[in-house]
Amino acid sequence: MDFYLDEAESLNVMHKAVPGSIEKRSKPTHSSVNKAFELIGHKIKLYDVDVEVISFKTTKDDIFLEVEENVEGELIRYEINYEDVVSL
């Protein structure tokens, strides 16, 4: 089953501007951690590539998804930022 995020399913995260710097992303919320958990085992579209979410990890500032991509029969794993997948 493919899992595509649309605007209705997207994460609602507020951006906070810090004076004299670029915008910073907000800290992970309970709902964003739950949403990341729900993505495990689902295929998502990353640019023009279908990848499967294998796991996720959180830091105090971000959530990262570990994804797996099939490239010519070889499975390649890498991490992506959760907010890069979920449109704000």
Protein backbone atom coordinates (compact mmCIF):
# COMPACT_ATOMS: atom_id res chain seq x y z
CA MET A 1 0.00 0.00 0.00
CA ASP A 2 1.40 3.37 -0.99
CA PHE A 3 1.06 6.24 1.46
CA TYR A 4 0.90 9.76 0.10
CA LEU A 5 0.64 12.82 2.27
CA ASP A 6 -1.76 15.48 1.16
CA GLU A 7 -2.41 18.89 2.61
CA ALA A 8 -5.15 17.58 4.91
CA GLU A 9 -2.77 15.00 6.40
CA SER A 10 0.18 17.35 6.64
CA LEU A 11 1.81 18.29 9.89
CA ASN A 12 0.77 21.64 11.29
CA VAL A 13 4.00 23.14 12.62
CA MET A 14 4.54 26.78 13.42
CA HIS A 15 7.79 28.42 12.30
CA LYS A 16 9.45 30.81 14.68
CA ALA A 17 11.71 33.55 13.37
CA VAL A 18 14.78 34.31 15.45
CA PRO A 19 15.95 37.93 15.11
CA GLY A 20 19.10 38.14 13.00
CA SER A 21 18.97 34.55 11.75
CA ILE A 22 17.16 32.37 9.29
CA GLU A 23 13.89 30.72 10.29
CA LYS A 24 14.19 27.83 12.72
CA ARG A 25 11.92 24.82 12.76
CA SER A 26 9.92 24.17 15.87
CA LYS A 27 10.69 21.29 18.21
CA PRO A 28 8.99 17.95 17.49
CA THR A 29 5.51 17.68 18.92
CA HIS A 30 3.71 14.61 20.21
CA SER A 31 1.47 14.61 17.12
CA SER A 32 4.45 14.78 14.74
CA VAL A 33 6.10 11.83 16.51
CA ASN A 34 2.85 9.87 16.21
CA LYS A 35 2.62 10.73 12.50
CA ALA A 36 6.23 9.62 11.94
CA PHE A 37 5.44 6.35 13.74
CA GLU A 38 2.41 5.80 11.47
CA LEU A 39 4.65 6.11 8.39
CA ILE A 40 6.76 3.07 9.35
CA GLY A 41 6.21 0.30 6.81
CA HIS A 42 4.55 2.60 4.27
CA LYS A 43 5.89 3.74 0.94
CA ILE A 44 6.10 7.46 0.42
CA LYS A 45 6.98 9.57 -2.59
CA LEU A 46 10.30 11.38 -2.15
CA TYR A 47 10.70 13.69 -5.12
CA ASP A 48 10.21 11.23 -8.02
CA VAL A 49 11.27 8.12 -6.08
CA ASP A 50 9.20 5.71 -4.00
CA VAL A 51 10.90 4.88 -0.71
CA GLU A 52 9.75 2.79 2.25
CA VAL A 53 9.93 4.21 5.76
CA ILE A 54 11.87 1.73 7.93
CA SER A 55 12.17 3.66 11.20
CA PHE A 56 12.40 7.11 12.70
CA LYS A 57 14.43 8.87 15.35
CA THR A 58 13.96 12.10 17.22
CA THR A 59 16.34 14.67 18.57
CA LYS A 60 15.39 17.65 20.68
CA ASP A 61 15.01 19.72 17.50
CA ASP A 62 14.03 17.36 14.67
CA ILE A 63 12.53 14.09 13.54
CA PHE A 64 14.33 11.96 10.98
CA LEU A 65 12.93 9.11 8.89
CA GLU A 66 15.13 6.21 7.87
CA VAL A 67 14.00 5.20 4.41
CA GLU A 68 14.91 2.39 2.07
CA GLU A 69 15.12 2.74 -1.70
CA ASN A 70 15.45 -0.10 -4.21
CA VAL A 71 18.11 0.89 -6.74
CA GLU A 72 18.59 -1.78 -9.41
CA GLY A 73 17.86 -4.57 -6.94
CA GLU A 74 20.05 -3.15 -4.17
CA LEU A 75 18.39 -1.70 -1.07
CA ILE A 76 19.90 1.61 -0.03
CA ARG A 77 19.04 3.18 3.33
CA TYR A 78 19.38 6.81 4.26
CA GLU A 79 17.89 9.40 6.59
CA ILE A 80 15.71 12.31 5.61
CA ASN A 81 14.25 15.10 7.68
CA TYR A 82 10.58 14.49 8.47
CA GLU A 83 9.63 18.06 7.58
CA ASP A 84 11.14 17.60 4.09
CA VAL A 85 8.49 14.95 3.40
CA VAL A 86 5.51 16.50 5.16
CA SER A 87 4.41 19.72 3.54
CA LEU A 88 3.86 22.51 6.03
